[in-house]
PDB file of N, CA and C in Angstrom:
ATOM      1  N   MET A   1     208.711   8.092 -90.655  1.00  0.00           N
ATOM      2  CA  MET A   1     208.161   7.770 -89.396  1.00  0.00           C
ATOM      3  C   MET A   1     209.282   7.475 -88.378  1.00  0.00           C
ATOM      4  N   GLU A   2     210.246   6.780 -88.847  1.00  0.00           N
ATOM      5  CA  GLU A   2     211.368   6.462 -87.979  1.00  0.00           C
ATOM      6  C   GLU A   2     212.031   7.768 -87.533  1.00  0.00           C
ATOM      7  N   ASN A   3     212.097   8.665 -88.401  1.00  0.00           N
ATOM      8  CA  ASN A   3     212.702   9.957 -88.118  1.00  0.00           C
ATOM      9  C   ASN A   3     211.885  10.719 -87.073  1.00  0.00           C
ATOM     10  N   ASP A   4     210.617  10.672 -87.246  1.00  0.00           N
ATOM     11  CA  ASP A   4     209.728  11.338 -86.291  1.00  0.00           C
ATOM     12  C   ASP A   4     209.853  10.702 -84.906  1.00  0.00           C
ATOM     13  N   ARG A   5     209.949   9.402 -84.963  1.00  0.00           N
ATOM     14  CA  ARG A   5     210.054   8.683 -83.705  1.00  0.00           C
ATOM     15  C   ARG A   5     211.360   9.057 -82.999  1.00  0.00           C
ATOM     16  N   ARG A   6     212.425   9.117 -83.731  1.00  0.00           N
ATOM     17  CA  ARG A   6     213.714   9.457 -83.167  1.00  0.00           C
ATOM     18  C   ARG A   6     213.678  10.884 -82.619  1.00  0.00           C
ATOM     19  N   GLU A   7     213.091  11.763 -83.348  1.00  0.00           N
ATOM     20  CA  GLU A   7     212.963  13.145 -82.902  1.00  0.00           C
ATOM     21  C   GLU A   7     212.155  13.230 -81.611  1.00  0.00           C
ATOM     22  N   LEU A   8     211.111  12.480 -81.579  1.00  0.00           N
ATOM     23  CA  LEU A   8     210.256  12.452 -80.399  1.00  0.00           C
ATOM     24  C   LEU A   8     211.029  11.899 -79.200  1.00  0.00           C
ATOM     25  N   GLU A   9     211.818  10.848 -79.404  1.00  0.00           N
ATOM     26  CA  GLU A   9     212.617  10.271 -78.330  1.00  0.00           C
ATOM     27  C   GLU A   9     213.672  11.267 -77.856  1.00  0.00           C
ATOM     28  N   GLN A  10     214.291  11.955 -78.796  1.00  0.00           N
ATOM     29  CA  GLN A  10     215.293  12.948 -78.432  1.00  0.00           C
ATOM     30  C   GLN A  10     214.656  14.093 -77.634  1.00  0.00           C
ATOM     31  N   THR A  11     213.515  14.507 -78.097  1.00  0.00           N
ATOM     32  CA  THR A  11     212.815  15.580 -77.393  1.00  0.00           C
ATOM     33  C   THR A  11     212.437  15.120 -75.991  1.00  0.00           C
ATOM     34  N   GLN A  12     211.945  13.911 -75.924  1.00  0.00           N
ATOM     35  CA  GLN A  12     211.561  13.374 -74.625  1.00  0.00           C
ATOM     36  C   GLN A  12     212.792  13.212 -73.737  1.00  0.00           C
ATOM     37  N   SER A  13     213.872  12.745 -74.305  1.00  0.00           N
ATOM     38  CA  SER A  13     215.107  12.573 -73.550  1.00  0.00           C
ATOM     39  C   SER A  13     215.608  13.934 -73.040  1.00  0.00           C
ATOM     40  N   ARG A  14     215.555  14.931 -73.908  1.00  0.00           N
ATOM     41  CA  ARG A  14     215.947  16.280 -73.515  1.00  0.00           C
ATOM     42  C   ARG A  14     215.042  16.796 -72.390  1.00  0.00           C
ATOM     43  N   ASN A  15     213.757  16.566 -72.543  1.00  0.00           N
ATOM     44  CA  ASN A  15     212.807  16.995 -71.509  1.00  0.00           C
ATOM     45  C   ASN A  15     213.082  16.298 -70.180  1.00  0.00           C
ATOM     46  N   VAL A  16     213.404  15.016 -70.236  1.00  0.00           N
ATOM     47  CA  VAL A  16     213.711  14.258 -69.020  1.00  0.00           C
ATOM     48  C   VAL A  16     214.969  14.833 -68.367  1.00  0.00           C
ATOM     49  N   ARG A  17     216.010  15.106 -69.181  1.00  0.00           N
ATOM     50  CA  ARG A  17     217.245  15.682 -68.635  1.00  0.00           C
ATOM     51  C   ARG A  17     216.976  17.051 -68.013  1.00  0.00           C
ATOM     52  N   ASP A  18     216.211  17.855 -68.736  1.00  0.00           N
ATOM     53  CA  ASP A  18     215.873  19.189 -68.211  1.00  0.00           C
ATOM     54  C   ASP A  18     215.095  19.080 -66.901  1.00  0.00           C
ATOM     55  N   MET A  19     214.161  18.138 -66.878  1.00  0.00           N
ATOM     56  CA  MET A  19     213.356  17.956 -65.673  1.00  0.00           C
ATOM     57  C   MET A  19     214.213  17.425 -64.523  1.00  0.00           C
ATOM     58  N   GLN A  20     215.154  16.531 -64.834  1.00  0.00           N
ATOM     59  CA  GLN A  20     216.040  16.011 -63.797  1.00  0.00           C
ATOM     60  C   GLN A  20     216.942  17.125 -63.263  1.00  0.00           C
ATOM     61  N   LYS A  21     217.424  17.951 -64.190  1.00  0.00           N
ATOM     62  CA  LYS A  21     218.257  19.084 -63.784  1.00  0.00           C
ATOM     63  C   LYS A  21     217.449  20.024 -62.898  1.00  0.00           C
ATOM     64  N   ARG A  22     216.244  20.299 -63.324  1.00  0.00           N
ATOM     65  CA  ARG A  22     215.367  21.189 -62.550  1.00  0.00           C
ATOM     66  C   ARG A  22     215.065  20.569 -61.193  1.00  0.00           C
ATOM     67  N   LEU A  23     214.798  19.276 -61.164  1.00  0.00           N
ATOM     68  CA  LEU A  23     214.539  18.571 -59.910  1.00  0.00           C
ATOM     69  C   LEU A  23     215.752  18.665 -58.989  1.00  0.00           C
ATOM     70  N   SER A  24     216.926  18.468 -59.548  1.00  0.00           N
ATOM     71  CA  SER A  24     218.156  18.547 -58.770  1.00  0.00           C
ATOM     72  C   SER A  24     218.332  19.955 -58.185  1.00  0.00           C
ATOM     73  N   GLU A  25     218.082  20.966 -58.998  1.00  0.00           N
ATOM     74  CA  GLU A  25     218.181  22.354 -58.523  1.00  0.00           C
ATOM     75  C   GLU A  25     217.172  22.619 -57.406  1.00  0.00           C
ATOM     76  N   LEU A  26     215.961  22.128 -57.604  1.00  0.00           N
ATOM     77  CA  LEU A  26     214.932  22.332 -56.584  1.00  0.00           C
ATOM     78  C   LEU A  26     215.261  21.591 -55.292  1.00  0.00           C
ATOM     79  N   GLU A  27     215.833  20.397 -55.416  1.00  0.00           N
ATOM     80  CA  GLU A  27     216.240  19.653 -54.226  1.00  0.00           C
ATOM     81  C   GLU A  27     217.335  20.407 -53.478  1.00  0.00           C
ATOM     82  N   GLU A  28     218.281  20.967 -54.230  1.00  0.00           N
ATOM     83  CA  GLU A  28     219.363  21.749 -53.611  1.00  0.00           C
ATOM     84  C   GLU A  28     218.790  22.987 -52.919  1.00  0.00           C
ATOM     85  N   THR A  29     217.884  23.667 -53.595  1.00  0.00           N
ATOM     86  CA  THR A  29     217.246  24.845 -53.006  1.00  0.00           C
ATOM     87  C   THR A  29     216.474  24.457 -51.745  1.00  0.00           C
ATOM     88  N   THR A  30     215.782  23.335 -51.798  1.00  0.00           N
ATOM     89  CA  THR A  30     215.034  22.849 -50.633  1.00  0.00           C
ATOM     90  C   THR A  30     215.978  22.571 -49.473  1.00  0.00           C
ATOM     91  N   LYS A  31     217.117  21.952 -49.775  1.00  0.00           N
ATOM     92  CA  LYS A  31     218.118  21.660 -48.749  1.00  0.00           C
ATOM     93  C   LYS A  31     218.621  22.956 -48.105  1.00  0.00           C
ATOM     94  N   GLU A  32     218.955  23.933 -48.947  1.00  0.00           N
ATOM     95  CA  GLU A  32     219.449  25.219 -48.445  1.00  0.00           C
ATOM     96  C   GLU A  32     218.390  25.919 -47.598  1.00  0.00           C
ATOM     97  N   LEU A  33     217.152  25.899 -48.082  1.00  0.00           N
ATOM     98  CA  LEU A  33     216.077  26.556 -47.340  1.00  0.00           C
ATOM     99  C   LEU A  33     215.790  25.848 -46.017  1.00  0.00           C
ATOM    100  N   THR A  34     215.875  24.524 -46.023  1.00  0.00           N
ATOM    101  CA  THR A  34     215.674  23.768 -44.787  1.00  0.00           C
ATOM    102  C   THR A  34     216.777  24.102 -43.789  1.00  0.00           C
ATOM    103  N   SER A  35     218.001  24.164 -44.278  1.00  0.00           N
ATOM    104  CA  SER A  35     219.127  24.521 -43.414  1.00  0.00           C
ATOM    105  C   SER A  35     218.942  25.937 -42.857  1.00  0.00           C
ATOM    106  N   LEU A  36     218.547  26.845 -43.717  1.00  0.00           N
ATOM    107  CA  LEU A  36     218.301  28.226 -43.294  1.00  0.00           C
ATOM    108  C   LEU A  36     217.181  28.279 -42.254  1.00  0.00           C
ATOM    109  N   LYS A  37     216.150  27.491 -42.470  1.00  0.00           N
ATOM    110  CA  LYS A  37     215.028  27.434 -41.526  1.00  0.00           C
ATOM    111  C   LYS A  37     215.520  27.007 -40.149  1.00  0.00           C
ATOM    112  N   TYR A  38     216.347  25.950 -40.095  1.00  0.00           N
ATOM    113  CA  TYR A  38     216.839  25.468 -38.808  1.00  0.00           C
ATOM    114  C   TYR A  38     217.745  26.502 -38.134  1.00  0.00           C
ATOM    115  N   ARG A  39     218.597  27.139 -38.926  1.00  0.00           N
ATOM    116  CA  ARG A  39     219.463  28.186 -38.355  1.00  0.00           C
ATOM    117  C   ARG A  39     218.618  29.330 -37.802  1.00  0.00           C
ATOM    118  N   ASN A  40     217.592  29.695 -38.538  1.00  0.00           N
ATOM    119  CA  ASN A  40     216.715  30.778 -38.082  1.00  0.00           C
ATOM    120  C   ASN A  40     215.939  30.384 -36.826  1.00  0.00           C
ATOM    121  N   GLU A  41     215.524  29.128 -36.752  1.00  0.00           N
ATOM    122  CA  GLU A  41     214.832  28.661 -35.545  1.00  0.00           C
ATOM    123  C   GLU A  41     215.759  28.737 -34.338  1.00  0.00           C
ATOM    124  N   ILE A  42     217.013  28.348 -34.537  1.00  0.00           N
ATOM    125  CA  ILE A  42     217.995  28.424 -33.452  1.00  0.00           C
ATOM    126  C   ILE A  42     218.193  29.880 -33.035  1.00  0.00           C
ATOM    127  N   THR A  43     218.317  30.761 -34.028  1.00  0.00           N
ATOM    128  CA  THR A  43     218.498  32.182 -33.740  1.00  0.00           C
ATOM    129  C   THR A  43     217.292  32.739 -32.985  1.00  0.00           C
ATOM    130  N   VAL A  44     216.102  32.365 -33.418  1.00  0.00           N
ATOM    131  CA  VAL A  44     214.882  32.828 -32.748  1.00  0.00           C
ATOM    132  C   VAL A  44     214.861  32.343 -31.297  1.00  0.00           C
ATOM    133  N   ASN A  45     215.232  31.085 -31.066  1.00  0.00           N
ATOM    134  CA  ASN A  45     215.264  30.557 -29.698  1.00  0.00           C
ATOM    135  C   ASN A  45     216.280  31.303 -28.840  1.00  0.00           C
ATOM    136  N   GLU A  46     217.462  31.553 -29.405  1.00  0.00           N
ATOM    137  CA  GLU A  46     218.491  32.288 -28.658  1.00  0.00           C
ATOM    138  C   GLU A  46     218.012  33.695 -28.332  1.00  0.00           C
ATOM    139  N   LEU A  47     217.425  34.355 -29.318  1.00  0.00           N
ATOM    140  CA  LEU A  47     216.945  35.718 -29.099  1.00  0.00           C
ATOM    141  C   LEU A  47     215.782  35.752 -28.105  1.00  0.00           C
ATOM    142  N   SER A  48     214.943  34.737 -28.143  1.00  0.00           N
ATOM    143  CA  SER A  48     213.840  34.655 -27.172  1.00  0.00           C
ATOM    144  C   SER A  48     214.389  34.513 -25.756  1.00  0.00           C
ATOM    145  N   SER A  49     215.412  33.692 -25.628  1.00  0.00           N
ATOM    146  CA  SER A  49     216.036  33.508 -24.321  1.00  0.00           C
ATOM    147  C   SER A  49     216.671  34.811 -23.839  1.00  0.00           C
ATOM    148  N   LYS A  50     217.385  35.482 -24.739  1.00  0.00           N
ATOM    149  CA  LYS A  50     218.000  36.763 -24.377  1.00  0.00           C
ATOM    150  C   LYS A  50     216.938  37.784 -23.997  1.00  0.00           C
ATOM    151  N   LEU A  51     215.849  37.800 -24.743  1.00  0.00           N
ATOM    152  CA  LEU A  51     214.763  38.733 -24.448  1.00  0.00           C
ATOM    153  C   LEU A  51     214.195  38.470 -23.061  1.00  0.00           C
ATOM    154  N   GLN A  52     214.003  37.215 -22.736  1.00  0.00           N
ATOM    155  CA  GLN A  52     213.467  36.873 -21.417  1.00  0.00           C
ATOM    156  C   GLN A  52     214.434  37.324 -20.323  1.00  0.00           C
ATOM    157  N   THR A  53     215.721  37.061 -20.525  1.00  0.00           N
ATOM    158  CA  THR A  53     216.725  37.472 -19.545  1.00  0.00           C
ATOM    159  C   THR A  53     216.734  38.987 -19.386  1.00  0.00           C
ATOM    160  N   LEU A  54     216.728  39.693 -20.511  1.00  0.00           N
ATOM    161  CA  LEU A  54     216.741  41.156 -20.450  1.00  0.00           C
ATOM    162  C   LEU A  54     215.467  41.707 -19.820  1.00  0.00           C
ATOM    163  N   THR A  55     214.352  41.063 -20.084  1.00  0.00           N
ATOM    164  CA  THR A  55     213.092  41.496 -19.479  1.00  0.00           C
ATOM    165  C   THR A  55     213.150  41.328 -17.961  1.00  0.00           C
ATOM    166  N   GLU A  56     213.699  40.209 -17.508  1.00  0.00           N
ATOM    167  CA  GLU A  56     213.844  39.985 -16.068  1.00  0.00           C
ATOM    168  C   GLU A  56     214.792  41.016 -15.453  1.00  0.00           C
ATOM    169  N   GLU A  57     215.910  41.283 -16.122  1.00  0.00           N
ATOM    170  CA  GLU A  57     216.862  42.276 -15.619  1.00  0.00           C
ATOM    171  C   GLU A  57     216.219  43.657 -15.575  1.00  0.00           C
ATOM    172  N   TYR A  58     215.442  43.972 -16.591  1.00  0.00           N
ATOM    173  CA  TYR A  58     214.750  45.260 -16.641  1.00  0.00           C
ATOM    174  C   TYR A  58     213.793  45.391 -15.458  1.00  0.00           C
ATOM    175  N   GLN A  59     213.037  44.340 -15.180  1.00  0.00           N
ATOM    176  CA  GLN A  59     212.088  44.377 -14.060  1.00  0.00           C
ATOM    177  C   GLN A  59     212.834  44.529 -12.737  1.00  0.00           C
ATOM    178  N   GLN A  60     213.952  43.807 -12.597  1.00  0.00           N
ATOM    179  CA  GLN A  60     214.754  43.932 -11.376  1.00  0.00           C
ATOM    180  C   GLN A  60     215.277  45.356 -11.222  1.00  0.00           C
ATOM    181  N   SER A  61     215.710  45.937 -12.329  1.00  0.00           N
ATOM    182  CA  SER A  61     216.213  47.310 -12.292  1.00  0.00           C
ATOM    183  C   SER A  61     215.104  48.279 -11.894  1.00  0.00           C
ATOM    184  N   LYS A  62     213.917  48.074 -12.453  1.00  0.00           N
ATOM    185  CA  LYS A  62     212.786  48.930 -12.081  1.00  0.00           C
ATOM    186  C   LYS A  62     212.483  48.806 -10.590  1.00  0.00           C
ATOM    187  N   ASP A  63     212.504  47.579 -10.084  1.00  0.00           N
ATOM    188  CA  ASP A  63     212.250  47.360  -8.660  1.00  0.00           C
ATOM    189  C   ASP A  63     213.315  48.054  -7.807  1.00  0.00           C
ATOM    190  N   GLU A  64     214.573  47.956  -8.231  1.00  0.00           N
ATOM    191  CA  GLU A  64     215.656  48.620  -7.498  1.00  0.00           C
ATOM    192  C   GLU A  64     215.475  50.129  -7.510  1.00  0.00           C
ATOM    193  N   ILE A  65     215.079  50.665  -8.651  1.00  0.00           N
ATOM    194  CA  ILE A  65     214.868  52.112  -8.748  1.00  0.00           C
ATOM    195  C   ILE A  65     213.787  52.551  -7.772  1.00  0.00           C
ATOM    196  N   VAL A  66     212.700  51.793  -7.700  1.00  0.00           N
ATOM    197  CA  VAL A  66     211.622  52.125  -6.761  1.00  0.00           C
ATOM    198  C   VAL A  66     212.158  52.097  -5.327  1.00  0.00           C
ATOM    199  N   LYS A  67     212.939  51.058  -5.017  1.00  0.00           N
ATOM    200  CA  LYS A  67     213.511  50.931  -3.673  1.00  0.00           C
ATOM    201  C   LYS A  67     214.444  52.109  -3.367  1.00  0.00           C
ATOM    202  N   TYR A  68     215.296  52.455  -4.334  1.00  0.00           N
ATOM    203  CA  TYR A  68     216.238  53.555  -4.119  1.00  0.00           C
ATOM    204  C   TYR A  68     215.517  54.895  -4.014  1.00  0.00           C
ATOM    205  N   ARG A  69     214.438  55.060  -4.738  1.00  0.00           N
ATOM    206  CA  ARG A  69     213.673  56.308  -4.628  1.00  0.00           C
ATOM    207  C   ARG A  69     213.066  56.435  -3.232  1.00  0.00           C
ATOM    208  N   LYS A  70     212.550  55.319  -2.707  1.00  0.00           N
ATOM    209  CA  LYS A  70     212.002  55.353  -1.348  1.00  0.00           C
ATOM    210  C   LYS A  70     213.104  55.686  -0.350  1.00  0.00           C
ATOM    211  N   THR A  71     214.260  55.031  -0.513  1.00  0.00           N
ATOM    212  CA  THR A  71     215.392  55.303   0.373  1.00  0.00           C
ATOM    213  C   THR A  71     215.819  56.756   0.259  1.00  0.00           C
ATOM    214  N   ASN A  72     215.854  57.258  -0.968  1.00  0.00           N
ATOM    215  CA  ASN A  72     216.241  58.646  -1.200  1.00  0.00           C
ATOM    216  C   ASN A  72     215.270  59.599  -0.505  1.00  0.00           C
ATOM    217  N   THR A  73     213.976  59.316  -0.606  1.00  0.00           N
ATOM    218  CA  THR A  73     212.976  60.157   0.052  1.00  0.00           C
ATOM    219  C   THR A  73     213.179  60.136   1.563  1.00  0.00           C
ATOM    220  N   THR A  74     213.421  58.949   2.110  1.00  0.00           N
ATOM    221  CA  THR A  74     213.664  58.830   3.547  1.00  0.00           C
ATOM    222  C   THR A  74     214.905  59.627   3.945  1.00  0.00           C
ATOM    223  N   LEU A  75     215.965  59.499   3.156  1.00  0.00           N
ATOM    224  CA  LEU A  75     217.204  60.230   3.462  1.00  0.00           C
ATOM    225  C   LEU A  75     216.996  61.740   3.359  1.00  0.00           C
ATOM    226  N   GLU A  76     216.243  62.174   2.355  1.00  0.00           N
ATOM    227  CA  GLU A  76     215.966  63.606   2.230  1.00  0.00           C
ATOM    228  C   GLU A  76     215.185  64.109   3.439  1.00  0.00           C
ATOM    229  N   ASN A  77     214.225  63.319   3.908  1.00  0.00           N
ATOM    230  CA  ASN A  77     213.472  63.705   5.108  1.00  0.00           C
ATOM    231  C   ASN A  77     214.386  63.756   6.327  1.00  0.00           C
ATOM    232  N   ASP A  78     215.274  62.765   6.444  1.00  0.00           N
ATOM    233  CA  ASP A  78     216.228  62.756   7.559  1.00  0.00           C
ATOM    234  C   ASP A  78     217.141  63.975   7.509  1.00  0.00           C
ATOM    235  N   ILE A  79     217.615  64.303   6.310  1.00  0.00           N
ATOM    236  CA  ILE A  79     218.491  65.473   6.158  1.00  0.00           C
ATOM    237  C   ILE A  79     217.743  66.740   6.549  1.00  0.00           C
ATOM    238  N   HIS A  80     216.507  66.854   6.111  1.00  0.00           N
ATOM    239  CA  HIS A  80     215.703  68.036   6.452  1.00  0.00           C
ATOM    240  C   HIS A  80     215.544  68.144   7.972  1.00  0.00           C
ATOM    241  N   GLN A  81     215.240  67.018   8.615  1.00  0.00           N
ATOM    242  CA  GLN A  81     215.083  67.015  10.072  1.00  0.00           C
ATOM    243  C   GLN A  81     216.409  67.367  10.748  1.00  0.00           C
ATOM    244  N   TYR A  82     217.506  66.822  10.229  1.00  0.00           N
ATOM    245  CA  TYR A  82     218.832  67.117  10.774  1.00  0.00           C
ATOM    246  C   TYR A  82     219.139  68.613  10.656  1.00  0.00           C
ATOM    247  N   GLU A  83     218.844  69.181   9.486  1.00  0.00           N
ATOM    248  CA  GLU A  83     219.102  70.611   9.281  1.00  0.00           C
ATOM    249  C   GLU A  83     218.255  71.458  10.226  1.00  0.00           C
ATOM    250  N   LYS A  84     217.002  71.055  10.455  1.00  0.00           N
ATOM    251  CA  LYS A  84     216.159  71.782  11.411  1.00  0.00           C
ATOM    252  C   LYS A  84     216.775  71.730  12.806  1.00  0.00           C
ATOM    253  N   THR A  85     217.226  70.537  13.189  1.00  0.00           N
ATOM    254  CA  THR A  85     217.829  70.369  14.509  1.00  0.00           C
ATOM    255  C   THR A  85     219.104  71.201  14.626  1.00  0.00           C
ATOM    256  N   VAL A  86     219.940  71.163  13.594  1.00  0.00           N
ATOM    257  CA  VAL A  86     221.189  71.937  13.601  1.00  0.00           C
ATOM    258  C   VAL A  86     220.885  73.429  13.729  1.00  0.00           C
ATOM    259  N   ASN A  87     219.921  73.916  12.954  1.00  0.00           N
ATOM    260  CA  ASN A  87     219.569  75.342  13.026  1.00  0.00           C
ATOM    261  C   ASN A  87     219.033  75.711  14.405  1.00  0.00           C
ATOM    262  N   HIS A  88     218.222  74.835  14.988  1.00  0.00           N
ATOM    263  CA  HIS A  88     217.695  75.084  16.333  1.00  0.00           C
ATOM    264  C   HIS A  88     218.845  75.143  17.345  1.00  0.00           C
ATOM    265  N   LEU A  89     219.772  74.184  17.224  1.00  0.00           N
ATOM    266  CA  LEU A  89     220.908  74.160  18.151  1.00  0.00           C
ATOM    267  C   LEU A  89     221.820  75.374  17.955  1.00  0.00           C
ATOM    268  N   ARG A  90     221.989  75.807  16.722  1.00  0.00           N
ATOM    269  CA  ARG A  90     222.808  77.012  16.475  1.00  0.00           C
ATOM    270  C   ARG A  90     222.169  78.228  17.142  1.00  0.00           C
ATOM    271  N   THR A  91     220.853  78.307  17.045  1.00  0.00           N
ATOM    272  CA  THR A  91     220.147  79.420  17.690  1.00  0.00           C
ATOM    273  C   THR A  91     220.343  79.352  19.203  1.00  0.00           C
ATOM    274  N   LYS A  92     220.221  78.142  19.766  1.00  0.00           N
ATOM    275  CA  LYS A  92     220.424  77.974  21.208  1.00  0.00           C
ATOM    276  C   LYS A  92     221.850  78.351  21.608  1.00  0.00           C
ATOM    277  N   ILE A  93     222.814  77.924  20.792  1.00  0.00           N
ATOM    278  CA  ILE A  93     224.222  78.239  21.080  1.00  0.00           C
ATOM    279  C   ILE A  93     224.431  79.744  21.066  1.00  0.00           C
ATOM    280  N   ALA A  94     223.850  80.412  20.081  1.00  0.00           N
ATOM    281  CA  ALA A  94     223.993  81.871  19.995  1.00  0.00           C
ATOM    282  C   ALA A  94     223.401  82.532  21.238  1.00  0.00           C
ATOM    283  N   LEU A  95     222.243  82.041  21.693  1.00  0.00           N
ATOM    284  CA  LEU A  95     221.626  82.612  22.898  1.00  0.00           C
ATOM    285  C   LEU A  95     222.491  82.363  24.128  1.00  0.00           C
ATOM    286  N   VAL A  96     223.007  81.139  24.263  1.00  0.00           N
ATOM    287  CA  VAL A  96     223.858  80.812  25.412  1.00  0.00           C
ATOM    288  C   VAL A  96     225.134  81.645  25.372  1.00  0.00           C
ATOM    289  N   GLU A  97     225.730  81.794  24.182  1.00  0.00           N
ATOM    290  CA  GLU A  97     226.940  82.622  24.062  1.00  0.00           C
ATOM    291  C   GLU A  97     226.646  84.064  24.471  1.00  0.00           C
ATOM    292  N   GLN A  98     225.480  84.559  24.078  1.00  0.00           N
ATOM    293  CA  GLN A  98     225.100  85.927  24.449  1.00  0.00           C
ATOM    294  C   GLN A  98     224.935  86.033  25.963  1.00  0.00           C
ATOM    295  N   GLU A  99     224.307  85.005  26.570  1.00  0.00           N
ATOM    296  CA  GLU A  99     224.144  85.001  28.031  1.00  0.00           C
ATOM    297  C   GLU A  99     225.505  84.966  28.716  1.00  0.00           C
ATOM    298  N   VAL A 100     226.405  84.121  28.205  1.00  0.00           N
ATOM    299  CA  VAL A 100     227.749  84.015  28.789  1.00  0.00           C
ATOM    300  C   VAL A 100     228.462  85.355  28.691  1.00  0.00           C
ATOM    301  N   LYS A 101     228.353  85.999  27.543  1.00  0.00           N
ATOM    302  CA  LYS A 101     229.002  87.297  27.338  1.00  0.00           C
ATOM    303  C   LYS A 101     228.437  88.328  28.317  1.00  0.00           C
ATOM    304  N   SER A 102     227.107  88.320  28.464  1.00  0.00           N
ATOM    305  CA  SER A 102     226.474  89.264  29.404  1.00  0.00           C
ATOM    306  C   SER A 102     226.947  88.992  30.827  1.00  0.00           C
ATOM    307  N   LYS A 103     226.992  87.717  31.211  1.00  0.00           N
ATOM    308  CA  LYS A 103     227.417  87.366  32.565  1.00  0.00           C
ATOM    309  C   LYS A 103     228.890  87.701  32.780  1.00  0.00           C
ATOM    310  N   GLN A 104     229.721  87.523  31.745  1.00  0.00           N
ATOM    311  CA  GLN A 104     231.136  87.879  31.863  1.00  0.00           C
ATOM    312  C   GLN A 104     231.280  89.386  32.066  1.00  0.00           C
ATOM    313  N   GLU A 105     230.437  90.144  31.364  1.00  0.00           N
ATOM    314  CA  GLU A 105     230.477  91.602  31.535  1.00  0.00           C
ATOM    315  C   GLU A 105     230.067  91.982  32.955  1.00  0.00           C
ATOM    316  N   VAL A 106     229.014  91.317  33.471  1.00  0.00           N
ATOM    317  CA  VAL A 106     228.570  91.590  34.845  1.00  0.00           C
ATOM    318  C   VAL A 106     229.672  91.216  35.825  1.00  0.00           C
ATOM    319  N   ILE A 107     230.309  90.055  35.607  1.00  0.00           N
ATOM    320  CA  ILE A 107     231.401  89.620  36.486  1.00  0.00           C
ATOM    321  C   ILE A 107     232.547  90.620  36.422  1.00  0.00           C
ATOM    322  N   GLN A 108     232.870  91.089  35.218  1.00  0.00           N
ATOM    323  CA  GLN A 108     233.961  92.055  35.060  1.00  0.00           C
ATOM    324  C   GLN A 108     233.622  93.354  35.786  1.00  0.00           C
ATOM    325  N   GLN A 109     232.372  93.792  35.639  1.00  0.00           N
ATOM    326  CA  GLN A 109     231.949  95.026  36.323  1.00  0.00           C
ATOM    327  C   GLN A 109     232.019  94.839  37.840  1.00  0.00           C
ATOM    328  N   THR A 110     231.564  93.668  38.299  1.00  0.00           N
ATOM    329  CA  THR A 110     231.597  93.385  39.735  1.00  0.00           C
ATOM    330  C   THR A 110     233.039  93.347  40.226  1.00  0.00           C
ATOM    331  N   ASN A 111     233.921  92.686  39.476  1.00  0.00           N
ATOM    332  CA  ASN A 111     235.342  92.628  39.853  1.00  0.00           C
ATOM    333  C   ASN A 111     235.956  94.027  39.869  1.00  0.00           C
ATOM    334  N   ASP A 112     235.567  94.840  38.878  1.00  0.00           N
ATOM    335  CA  ASP A 112     236.080  96.215  38.830  1.00  0.00           C
ATOM    336  C   ASP A 112     235.614  96.992  40.065  1.00  0.00           C
ATOM    337  N   ARG A 113     234.341  96.841  40.463  1.00  0.00           N
ATOM    338  CA  ARG A 113     233.825  97.543  41.655  1.00  0.00           C
ATOM    339  C   ARG A 113     234.544  97.069  42.910  1.00  0.00           C
ATOM    340  N   ILE A 114     234.715  95.732  43.004  1.00  0.00           N
ATOM    341  CA  ILE A 114     235.399  95.179  44.183  1.00  0.00           C
ATOM    342  C   ILE A 114     236.816  95.736  44.253  1.00  0.00           C
ATOM    343  N   ALA A 115     237.496  95.746  43.111  1.00  0.00           N
ATOM    344  CA  ALA A 115     238.868  96.263  43.082  1.00  0.00           C
ATOM    345  C   ALA A 115     238.872  97.736  43.445  1.00  0.00           C
ATOM    346  N   SER A 116     237.891  98.462  42.949  1.00  0.00           N
ATOM    347  CA  SER A 116     237.802  99.895  43.225  1.00  0.00           C
ATOM    348  C   SER A 116     237.525 100.124  44.706  1.00  0.00           C
ATOM    349  N   GLU A 117     236.619  99.338  45.296  1.00  0.00           N
ATOM    350  CA  GLU A 117     236.303  99.491  46.717  1.00  0.00           C
ATOM    351  C   GLU A 117     237.504  99.123  47.577  1.00  0.00           C
ATOM    352  N   GLN A 118     238.222  98.071  47.183  1.00  0.00           N
ATOM    353  CA  GLN A 118     239.396  97.679  47.962  1.00  0.00           C
ATOM    354  C   GLN A 118     240.466  98.757  47.873  1.00  0.00           C
ATOM    355  N   GLU A 119     240.570  99.356  46.719  1.00  0.00           N
ATOM    356  CA  GLU A 119     241.544 100.433  46.557  1.00  0.00           C
ATOM    357  C   GLU A 119     241.149 101.631  47.419  1.00  0.00           C
ATOM    358  N   SER A 120     239.837 101.871  47.457  1.00  0.00           N
ATOM    359  CA  SER A 120     239.345 102.984  48.281  1.00  0.00           C
ATOM    360  C   SER A 120     239.636 102.710  49.752  1.00  0.00           C
ATOM    361  N   LYS A 121     239.411 101.486  50.189  1.00  0.00           N
ATOM    362  CA  LYS A 121     239.671 101.135  51.584  1.00  0.00           C
ATOM    363  C   LYS A 121     241.148 101.278  51.898  1.00  0.00           C
ATOM    364  N   VAL A 122     241.966 100.818  50.984  1.00  0.00           N
ATOM    365  CA  VAL A 122     243.409 100.897  51.208  1.00  0.00           C
ATOM    366  C   VAL A 122     243.815 102.363  51.276  1.00  0.00           C
ATOM    367  N   ASN A 123     243.280 103.166  50.417  1.00  0.00           N
ATOM    368  CA  ASN A 123     243.627 104.595  50.386  1.00  0.00           C
ATOM    369  C   ASN A 123     243.068 105.311  51.621  1.00  0.00           C
ATOM    370  N   SER A 124     241.902 104.916  52.077  1.00  0.00           N
ATOM    371  CA  SER A 124     241.317 105.586  53.230  1.00  0.00           C
ATOM    372  C   SER A 124     242.010 105.161  54.521  1.00  0.00           C
ATOM    373  N   THR A 125     242.544 103.996  54.598  1.00  0.00           N
ATOM    374  CA  THR A 125     243.252 103.558  55.789  1.00  0.00           C
ATOM    375  C   THR A 125     244.656 104.138  55.843  1.00  0.00           C
ATOM    376  N   ILE A 126     245.135 104.632  54.837  1.00  0.00           N
ATOM    377  CA  ILE A 126     246.489 105.183  54.825  1.00  0.00           C
ATOM    378  C   ILE A 126     246.429 106.600  55.224  1.00  0.00           C
TER     379      ILE A 126
END
């Protein structure tokens, strides 16, 4: 009986040691997991903040793109109007140049006739 009792105490003592060891391991694991949880919470908060910042920047960029597209459309319309005006003025310039050329020819012909008549007068008076 004494032997059985001793065996039982040893078994119980072994079980207590095993349970204490297991408890210690579980406490360590709990500590590590708690630490990991806090680190992950910090990471999640940082990433949430970055996401919010990036979302705001994205919206600002979209707004700028809309503004620049409107400006671009206005500039394209202005360029089109400018090109129309330039083409109209080029046509007018070509017409005026043609008129000037015609008038210069008439002036040259008139000068030639005047010179010819003066020459005739000079020749007839001699």
